[in-house]
Amino acid sequence: MSALVAWMPFLQPMTALGNAWWLLMVPLVFGVAVVHRAIQDPTMDGYWGRVLSLTIRANAVLGSLALAIYLFVYFCIPLLRAD
């Protein structure tokens, strides 16, 4: 019980999902897309299609950024070290 009292969510994330914690990005982006489309669209015609489109595009962009940062950290930064 005392370990949960000192738990800091952003500094020490829970490890219940193991290495699959990044998959939580998909429902988070879906929720943001639902709210965004509900606020921005004047009609509900084609609402779910636009939500799905926004969800796919946002996840693709975030995944691309993650890949770019990964490649930069593991391949470009080691080239900068001074010998």
PDB file of N, CA and C in Angstrom:
ATOM      1  N   MET A   1       0.816  -1.191   0.000  1.00  0.00           N
ATOM      2  CA  MET A   1       0.000   0.000   0.000  1.00  0.00           C
ATOM      3  C   MET A   1       0.863   1.260   0.000  1.00  0.00           C
ATOM      4  N   SER A   2       1.955   1.251   0.715  1.00  0.00           N
ATOM      5  CA  SER A   2       2.794   2.446   0.779  1.00  0.00           C
ATOM      6  C   SER A   2       3.458   2.749  -0.562  1.00  0.00           C
ATOM      7  N   ALA A   3       3.642   1.727  -1.409  1.00  0.00           N
ATOM      8  CA  ALA A   3       4.240   1.969  -2.720  1.00  0.00           C
ATOM      9  C   ALA A   3       3.296   2.769  -3.614  1.00  0.00           C
ATOM     10  N   LEU A   4       1.979   2.572  -3.467  1.00  0.00           N
ATOM     11  CA  LEU A   4       1.027   3.317  -4.279  1.00  0.00           C
ATOM     12  C   LEU A   4       0.884   4.765  -3.820  1.00  0.00           C
ATOM     13  N   VAL A   5       1.180   5.021  -2.568  1.00  0.00           N
ATOM     14  CA  VAL A   5       1.086   6.387  -2.065  1.00  0.00           C
ATOM     15  C   VAL A   5       2.132   7.270  -2.731  1.00  0.00           C
ATOM     16  N   ALA A   6       3.306   6.728  -2.995  1.00  0.00           N
ATOM     17  CA  ALA A   6       4.398   7.494  -3.580  1.00  0.00           C
ATOM     18  C   ALA A   6       4.466   7.360  -5.097  1.00  0.00           C
ATOM     19  N   TRP A   7       3.441   6.773  -5.713  1.00  0.00           N
ATOM     20  CA  TRP A   7       3.454   6.560  -7.156  1.00  0.00           C
ATOM     21  C   TRP A   7       3.253   7.875  -7.896  1.00  0.00           C
ATOM     22  N   MET A   8       4.141   8.176  -8.831  1.00  0.00           N
ATOM     23  CA  MET A   8       4.049   9.381  -9.658  1.00  0.00           C
ATOM     24  C   MET A   8       3.781   8.931 -11.091  1.00  0.00           C
ATOM     25  N   PRO A   9       2.571   9.132 -11.613  1.00  0.00           N
ATOM     26  CA  PRO A   9       2.183   8.538 -12.891  1.00  0.00           C
ATOM     27  C   PRO A   9       3.081   8.881 -14.075  1.00  0.00           C
ATOM     28  N   PHE A  10       3.557  10.111 -14.194  1.00  0.00           N
ATOM     29  CA  PHE A  10       4.344  10.476 -15.373  1.00  0.00           C
ATOM     30  C   PHE A  10       5.813  10.099 -15.226  1.00  0.00           C
ATOM     31  N   LEU A  11       6.303  10.015 -14.005  1.00  0.00           N
ATOM     32  CA  LEU A  11       7.703   9.658 -13.801  1.00  0.00           C
ATOM     33  C   LEU A  11       7.904   8.154 -13.646  1.00  0.00           C
ATOM     34  N   GLN A  12       6.919   7.467 -13.093  1.00  0.00           N
ATOM     35  CA  GLN A  12       6.999   6.025 -12.898  1.00  0.00           C
ATOM     36  C   GLN A  12       5.714   5.375 -13.404  1.00  0.00           C
ATOM     37  N   PRO A  13       5.556   5.197 -14.731  1.00  0.00           N
ATOM     38  CA  PRO A  13       4.309   4.618 -15.239  1.00  0.00           C
ATOM     39  C   PRO A  13       4.128   3.180 -14.794  1.00  0.00           C
ATOM     40  N   MET A  14       2.877   2.768 -14.609  1.00  0.00           N
ATOM     41  CA  MET A  14       2.590   1.386 -14.218  1.00  0.00           C
ATOM     42  C   MET A  14       2.979   0.451 -15.358  1.00  0.00           C
ATOM     43  N   THR A  15       3.401  -0.729 -15.008  1.00  0.00           N
ATOM     44  CA  THR A  15       3.895  -1.676 -16.014  1.00  0.00           C
ATOM     45  C   THR A  15       2.919  -2.816 -16.256  1.00  0.00           C
ATOM     46  N   ALA A  16       1.629  -2.590 -16.077  1.00  0.00           N
ATOM     47  CA  ALA A  16       0.645  -3.653 -16.264  1.00  0.00           C
ATOM     48  C   ALA A  16       0.613  -4.131 -17.719  1.00  0.00           C
ATOM     49  N   LEU A  17       0.868  -3.239 -18.659  1.00  0.00           N
ATOM     50  CA  LEU A  17       0.835  -3.612 -20.069  1.00  0.00           C
ATOM     51  C   LEU A  17       2.192  -4.080 -20.583  1.00  0.00           C
ATOM     52  N   GLY A  18       3.210  -4.003 -19.775  1.00  0.00           N
ATOM     53  CA  GLY A  18       4.533  -4.421 -20.210  1.00  0.00           C
ATOM     54  C   GLY A  18       5.072  -3.513 -21.288  1.00  0.00           C
ATOM     55  N   ASN A  19       5.544  -4.105 -22.371  1.00  0.00           N
ATOM     56  CA  ASN A  19       6.107  -3.320 -23.469  1.00  0.00           C
ATOM     57  C   ASN A  19       5.059  -2.858 -24.482  1.00  0.00           C
ATOM     58  N   ALA A  20       3.795  -3.147 -24.228  1.00  0.00           N
ATOM     59  CA  ALA A  20       2.740  -2.762 -25.168  1.00  0.00           C
ATOM     60  C   ALA A  20       2.016  -1.502 -24.715  1.00  0.00           C
ATOM     61  N   TRP A  21       2.600  -0.705 -23.850  1.00  0.00           N
ATOM     62  CA  TRP A  21       1.948   0.504 -23.339  1.00  0.00           C
ATOM     63  C   TRP A  21       1.656   1.505 -24.446  1.00  0.00           C
ATOM     64  N   TRP A  22       2.461   1.518 -25.502  1.00  0.00           N
ATOM     65  CA  TRP A  22       2.288   2.475 -26.583  1.00  0.00           C
ATOM     66  C   TRP A  22       1.009   2.224 -27.381  1.00  0.00           C
ATOM     67  N   LEU A  23       0.412   1.032 -27.248  1.00  0.00           N
ATOM     68  CA  LEU A  23      -0.839   0.750 -27.947  1.00  0.00           C
ATOM     69  C   LEU A  23      -2.008   1.561 -27.396  1.00  0.00           C
ATOM     70  N   LEU A  24      -1.831   2.159 -26.220  1.00  0.00           N
ATOM     71  CA  LEU A  24      -2.869   3.021 -25.656  1.00  0.00           C
ATOM     72  C   LEU A  24      -3.041   4.297 -26.479  1.00  0.00           C
ATOM     73  N   MET A  25      -2.119   4.559 -27.394  1.00  0.00           N
ATOM     74  CA  MET A  25      -2.218   5.720 -28.269  1.00  0.00           C
ATOM     75  C   MET A  25      -3.455   5.617 -29.162  1.00  0.00           C
ATOM     76  N   VAL A  26      -3.804   4.418 -29.595  1.00  0.00           N
ATOM     77  CA  VAL A  26      -4.922   4.238 -30.530  1.00  0.00           C
ATOM     78  C   VAL A  26      -6.259   4.656 -29.896  1.00  0.00           C
ATOM     79  N   PRO A  27      -6.647   4.141 -28.719  1.00  0.00           N
ATOM     80  CA  PRO A  27      -7.926   4.608 -28.154  1.00  0.00           C
ATOM     81  C   PRO A  27      -7.883   6.077 -27.721  1.00  0.00           C
ATOM     82  N   LEU A  28      -6.722   6.560 -27.320  1.00  0.00           N
ATOM     83  CA  LEU A  28      -6.611   7.971 -26.949  1.00  0.00           C
ATOM     84  C   LEU A  28      -6.866   8.864 -28.161  1.00  0.00           C
ATOM     85  N   VAL A  29      -6.248   8.549 -29.288  1.00  0.00           N
ATOM     86  CA  VAL A  29      -6.447   9.338 -30.504  1.00  0.00           C
ATOM     87  C   VAL A  29      -7.884   9.195 -30.995  1.00  0.00           C
ATOM     88  N   PHE A  30      -8.472   8.015 -30.857  1.00  0.00           N
ATOM     89  CA  PHE A  30      -9.876   7.826 -31.251  1.00  0.00           C
ATOM     90  C   PHE A  30     -10.786   8.723 -30.417  1.00  0.00           C
ATOM     91  N   GLY A  31     -10.567   8.786 -29.116  1.00  0.00           N
ATOM     92  CA  GLY A  31     -11.375   9.646 -28.255  1.00  0.00           C
ATOM     93  C   GLY A  31     -11.231  11.118 -28.617  1.00  0.00           C
ATOM     94  N   VAL A  32     -10.010  11.541 -28.893  1.00  0.00           N
ATOM     95  CA  VAL A  32      -9.784  12.929 -29.305  1.00  0.00           C
ATOM     96  C   VAL A  32     -10.477  13.206 -30.633  1.00  0.00           C
ATOM     97  N   ALA A  33     -10.434  12.249 -31.555  1.00  0.00           N
ATOM     98  CA  ALA A  33     -11.077  12.426 -32.858  1.00  0.00           C
ATOM     99  C   ALA A  33     -12.594  12.518 -32.712  1.00  0.00           C
ATOM    100  N   VAL A  34     -13.186  11.710 -31.841  1.00  0.00           N
ATOM    101  CA  VAL A  34     -14.631  11.755 -31.617  1.00  0.00           C
ATOM    102  C   VAL A  34     -15.046  13.130 -31.109  1.00  0.00           C
ATOM    103  N   VAL A  35     -14.331  13.634 -30.117  1.00  0.00           N
ATOM    104  CA  VAL A  35     -14.669  14.939 -29.549  1.00  0.00           C
ATOM    105  C   VAL A  35     -14.418  16.057 -30.561  1.00  0.00           C
ATOM    106  N   HIS A  36     -13.285  15.992 -31.252  1.00  0.00           N
ATOM    107  CA  HIS A  36     -12.957  17.037 -32.227  1.00  0.00           C
ATOM    108  C   HIS A  36     -14.001  17.110 -33.343  1.00  0.00           C
ATOM    109  N   ARG A  37     -14.348  15.971 -33.902  1.00  0.00           N
ATOM    110  CA  ARG A  37     -15.335  15.959 -34.984  1.00  0.00           C
ATOM    111  C   ARG A  37     -16.707  16.383 -34.471  1.00  0.00           C
ATOM    112  N   ALA A  38     -17.065  16.020 -33.238  1.00  0.00           N
ATOM    113  CA  ALA A  38     -18.371  16.414 -32.693  1.00  0.00           C
ATOM    114  C   ALA A  38     -18.454  17.925 -32.524  1.00  0.00           C
ATOM    115  N   ILE A  39     -17.348  18.552 -32.188  1.00  0.00           N
ATOM    116  CA  ILE A  39     -17.345  20.003 -31.999  1.00  0.00           C
ATOM    117  C   ILE A  39     -17.259  20.739 -33.327  1.00  0.00           C
ATOM    118  N   GLN A  40     -16.476  20.243 -34.261  1.00  0.00           N
ATOM    119  CA  GLN A  40     -16.188  20.976 -35.495  1.00  0.00           C
ATOM    120  C   GLN A  40     -17.213  20.772 -36.610  1.00  0.00           C
ATOM    121  N   ASP A  41     -17.854  19.605 -36.666  1.00  0.00           N
ATOM    122  CA  ASP A  41     -18.761  19.328 -37.785  1.00  0.00           C
ATOM    123  C   ASP A  41     -20.136  19.945 -37.555  1.00  0.00           C
ATOM    124  N   PRO A  42     -20.680  20.645 -38.571  1.00  0.00           N
ATOM    125  CA  PRO A  42     -22.010  21.238 -38.410  1.00  0.00           C
ATOM    126  C   PRO A  42     -23.136  20.202 -38.478  1.00  0.00           C
ATOM    127  N   THR A  43     -22.911  19.067 -39.182  1.00  0.00           N
ATOM    128  CA  THR A  43     -23.932  18.018 -39.274  1.00  0.00           C
ATOM    129  C   THR A  43     -23.308  16.682 -38.916  1.00  0.00           C
ATOM    130  N   MET A  44     -24.167  15.715 -38.662  1.00  0.00           N
ATOM    131  CA  MET A  44     -23.681  14.381 -38.304  1.00  0.00           C
ATOM    132  C   MET A  44     -23.607  13.451 -39.521  1.00  0.00           C
ATOM    133  N   ASP A  45     -23.811  13.973 -40.712  1.00  0.00           N
ATOM    134  CA  ASP A  45     -23.727  13.160 -41.929  1.00  0.00           C
ATOM    135  C   ASP A  45     -22.274  12.740 -42.154  1.00  0.00           C
ATOM    136  N   GLY A  46     -22.028  11.444 -42.208  1.00  0.00           N
ATOM    137  CA  GLY A  46     -20.681  10.930 -42.424  1.00  0.00           C
ATOM    138  C   GLY A  46     -19.750  11.129 -41.243  1.00  0.00           C
ATOM    139  N   TYR A  47     -20.321  11.290 -40.062  1.00  0.00           N
ATOM    140  CA  TYR A  47     -19.521  11.578 -38.861  1.00  0.00           C
ATOM    141  C   TYR A  47     -18.500  10.479 -38.563  1.00  0.00           C
ATOM    142  N   TRP A  48     -18.950   9.238 -38.523  1.00  0.00           N
ATOM    143  CA  TRP A  48     -18.043   8.149 -38.130  1.00  0.00           C
ATOM    144  C   TRP A  48     -16.954   7.910 -39.167  1.00  0.00           C
ATOM    145  N   GLY A  49     -17.244   8.161 -40.417  1.00  0.00           N
ATOM    146  CA  GLY A  49     -16.223   8.048 -41.452  1.00  0.00           C
ATOM    147  C   GLY A  49     -15.116   9.069 -41.256  1.00  0.00           C
ATOM    148  N   ARG A  50     -15.510  10.304 -40.921  1.00  0.00           N
ATOM    149  CA  ARG A  50     -14.520  11.348 -40.672  1.00  0.00           C
ATOM    150  C   ARG A  50     -13.744  11.087 -39.388  1.00  0.00           C
ATOM    151  N   VAL A  51     -14.413  10.515 -38.376  1.00  0.00           N
ATOM    152  CA  VAL A  51     -13.710  10.153 -37.140  1.00  0.00           C
ATOM    153  C   VAL A  51     -12.671   9.074 -37.432  1.00  0.00           C
ATOM    154  N   LEU A  52     -13.056   8.068 -38.186  1.00  0.00           N
ATOM    155  CA  LEU A  52     -12.120   6.993 -38.529  1.00  0.00           C
ATOM    156  C   LEU A  52     -10.961   7.532 -39.362  1.00  0.00           C
ATOM    157  N   SER A  53     -11.259   8.412 -40.299  1.00  0.00           N
ATOM    158  CA  SER A  53     -10.209   9.004 -41.124  1.00  0.00           C
ATOM    159  C   SER A  53      -9.220   9.802 -40.281  1.00  0.00           C
ATOM    160  N   LEU A  54      -9.740  10.620 -39.380  1.00  0.00           N
ATOM    161  CA  LEU A  54      -8.875  11.414 -38.516  1.00  0.00           C
ATOM    162  C   LEU A  54      -8.042  10.525 -37.596  1.00  0.00           C
ATOM    163  N   THR A  55      -8.653   9.457 -37.087  1.00  0.00           N
ATOM    164  CA  THR A  55      -7.931   8.530 -36.211  1.00  0.00           C
ATOM    165  C   THR A  55      -6.776   7.864 -36.953  1.00  0.00           C
ATOM    166  N   ILE A  56      -7.033   7.404 -38.161  1.00  0.00           N
ATOM    167  CA  ILE A  56      -5.987   6.731 -38.941  1.00  0.00           C
ATOM    168  C   ILE A  56      -4.866   7.706 -39.297  1.00  0.00           C
ATOM    169  N   ARG A  57      -5.244   8.900 -39.741  1.00  0.00           N
ATOM    170  CA  ARG A  57      -4.218   9.884 -40.119  1.00  0.00           C
ATOM    171  C   ARG A  57      -3.379  10.315 -38.924  1.00  0.00           C
ATOM    172  N   ALA A  58      -4.021  10.561 -37.789  1.00  0.00           N
ATOM    173  CA  ALA A  58      -3.279  10.997 -36.601  1.00  0.00           C
ATOM    174  C   ALA A  58      -2.346   9.902 -36.102  1.00  0.00           C
ATOM    175  N   ASN A  59      -2.812   8.648 -36.104  1.00  0.00           N
ATOM    176  CA  ASN A  59      -1.939   7.547 -35.687  1.00  0.00           C
ATOM    177  C   ASN A  59      -0.784   7.357 -36.661  1.00  0.00           C
ATOM    178  N   ALA A  60      -1.026   7.550 -37.956  1.00  0.00           N
ATOM    179  CA  ALA A  60       0.052   7.433 -38.937  1.00  0.00           C
ATOM    180  C   ALA A  60       1.099   8.524 -38.729  1.00  0.00           C
ATOM    181  N   VAL A  61       0.652   9.740 -38.473  1.00  0.00           N
ATOM    182  CA  VAL A  61       1.591  10.840 -38.241  1.00  0.00           C
ATOM    183  C   VAL A  61       2.387  10.612 -36.965  1.00  0.00           C
ATOM    184  N   LEU A  62       1.707  10.220 -35.884  1.00  0.00           N
ATOM    185  CA  LEU A  62       2.421   9.971 -34.632  1.00  0.00           C
ATOM    186  C   LEU A  62       3.393   8.798 -34.759  1.00  0.00           C
ATOM    187  N   GLY A  63       2.995   7.760 -35.483  1.00  0.00           N
ATOM    188  CA  GLY A  63       3.900   6.636 -35.709  1.00  0.00           C
ATOM    189  C   GLY A  63       5.107   7.030 -36.540  1.00  0.00           C
ATOM    190  N   SER A  64       4.895   7.875 -37.545  1.00  0.00           N
ATOM    191  CA  SER A  64       6.005   8.355 -38.372  1.00  0.00           C
ATOM    192  C   SER A  64       6.977   9.208 -37.559  1.00  0.00           C
ATOM    193  N   LEU A  65       6.423  10.068 -36.706  1.00  0.00           N
ATOM    194  CA  LEU A  65       7.288  10.871 -35.837  1.00  0.00           C
ATOM    195  C   LEU A  65       8.082   9.993 -34.882  1.00  0.00           C
ATOM    196  N   ALA A  66       7.449   8.967 -34.338  1.00  0.00           N
ATOM    197  CA  ALA A  66       8.158   8.056 -33.440  1.00  0.00           C
ATOM    198  C   ALA A  66       9.287   7.340 -34.175  1.00  0.00           C
ATOM    199  N   LEU A  67       9.030   6.906 -35.402  1.00  0.00           N
ATOM    200  CA  LEU A  67      10.068   6.247 -36.198  1.00  0.00           C
ATOM    201  C   LEU A  67      11.203   7.204 -36.522  1.00  0.00           C
ATOM    202  N   ALA A  68      10.879   8.441 -36.864  1.00  0.00           N
ATOM    203  CA  ALA A  68      11.915   9.422 -37.176  1.00  0.00           C
ATOM    204  C   ALA A  68      12.782   9.720 -35.953  1.00  0.00           C
ATOM    205  N   ILE A  69      12.171   9.848 -34.794  1.00  0.00           N
ATOM    206  CA  ILE A  69      12.938  10.095 -33.568  1.00  0.00           C
ATOM    207  C   ILE A  69      13.799   8.892 -33.228  1.00  0.00           C
ATOM    208  N   TYR A  70      13.255   7.682 -33.407  1.00  0.00           N
ATOM    209  CA  TYR A  70      14.025   6.457 -33.161  1.00  0.00           C
ATOM    210  C   TYR A  70      15.257   6.411 -34.059  1.00  0.00           C
ATOM    211  N   LEU A  71      15.065   6.661 -35.345  1.00  0.00           N
ATOM    212  CA  LEU A  71      16.191   6.619 -36.272  1.00  0.00           C
ATOM    213  C   LEU A  71      17.220   7.694 -35.951  1.00  0.00           C
ATOM    214  N   PHE A  72      16.754   8.879 -35.575  1.00  0.00           N
ATOM    215  CA  PHE A  72      17.672   9.956 -35.218  1.00  0.00           C
ATOM    216  C   PHE A  72      18.489   9.602 -33.979  1.00  0.00           C
ATOM    217  N   VAL A  73      17.845   9.078 -32.965  1.00  0.00           N
ATOM    218  CA  VAL A  73      18.535   8.769 -31.704  1.00  0.00           C
ATOM    219  C   VAL A  73      19.533   7.625 -31.875  1.00  0.00           C
ATOM    220  N   TYR A  74      19.150   6.586 -32.608  1.00  0.00           N
ATOM    221  CA  TYR A  74      20.013   5.407 -32.690  1.00  0.00           C
ATOM    222  C   TYR A  74      21.036   5.440 -33.818  1.00  0.00           C
ATOM    223  N   PHE A  75      20.846   6.321 -34.801  1.00  0.00           N
ATOM    224  CA  PHE A  75      21.807   6.336 -35.906  1.00  0.00           C
ATOM    225  C   PHE A  75      22.522   7.674 -36.074  1.00  0.00           C
ATOM    226  N   CYS A  76      21.853   8.782 -35.855  1.00  0.00           N
ATOM    227  CA  CYS A  76      22.479  10.092 -36.072  1.00  0.00           C
ATOM    228  C   CYS A  76      23.261  10.573 -34.857  1.00  0.00           C
ATOM    229  N   ILE A  77      22.703  10.441 -33.699  1.00  0.00           N
ATOM    230  CA  ILE A  77      23.384  10.928 -32.490  1.00  0.00           C
ATOM    231  C   ILE A  77      24.704  10.211 -32.227  1.00  0.00           C
ATOM    232  N   PRO A  78      24.816   8.877 -32.411  1.00  0.00           N
ATOM    233  CA  PRO A  78      26.127   8.249 -32.200  1.00  0.00           C
ATOM    234  C   PRO A  78      27.222   8.779 -33.137  1.00  0.00           C
ATOM    235  N   LEU A  79      26.840   9.328 -34.274  1.00  0.00           N
ATOM    236  CA  LEU A  79      27.833   9.877 -35.183  1.00  0.00           C
ATOM    237  C   LEU A  79      28.395  11.205 -34.680  1.00  0.00           C
ATOM    238  N   LEU A  80      27.715  11.832 -33.729  1.00  0.00           N
ATOM    239  CA  LEU A  80      28.130  13.146 -33.218  1.00  0.00           C
ATOM    240  C   LEU A  80      29.122  13.075 -32.069  1.00  0.00           C
ATOM    241  N   ARG A  81      29.360  11.891 -31.548  1.00  0.00           N
ATOM    242  CA  ARG A  81      30.242  11.812 -30.366  1.00  0.00           C
ATOM    243  C   ARG A  81      31.673  12.167 -30.748  1.00  0.00           C
ATOM    244  N   ALA A  82      32.324  12.840 -29.838  1.00  0.00           N
ATOM    245  CA  ALA A  82      33.704  13.257 -30.064  1.00  0.00           C
ATOM    246  C   ALA A  82      34.661  12.177 -29.559  1.00  0.00           C
ATOM    247  N   ASP A  83      35.626  11.849 -30.354  1.00  0.00           N
ATOM    248  CA  ASP A  83      36.597  10.823 -29.957  1.00  0.00           C
ATOM    249  C   ASP A  83      37.881  11.453 -29.458  1.00  0.00           C
TER     250      ASP A  83
END
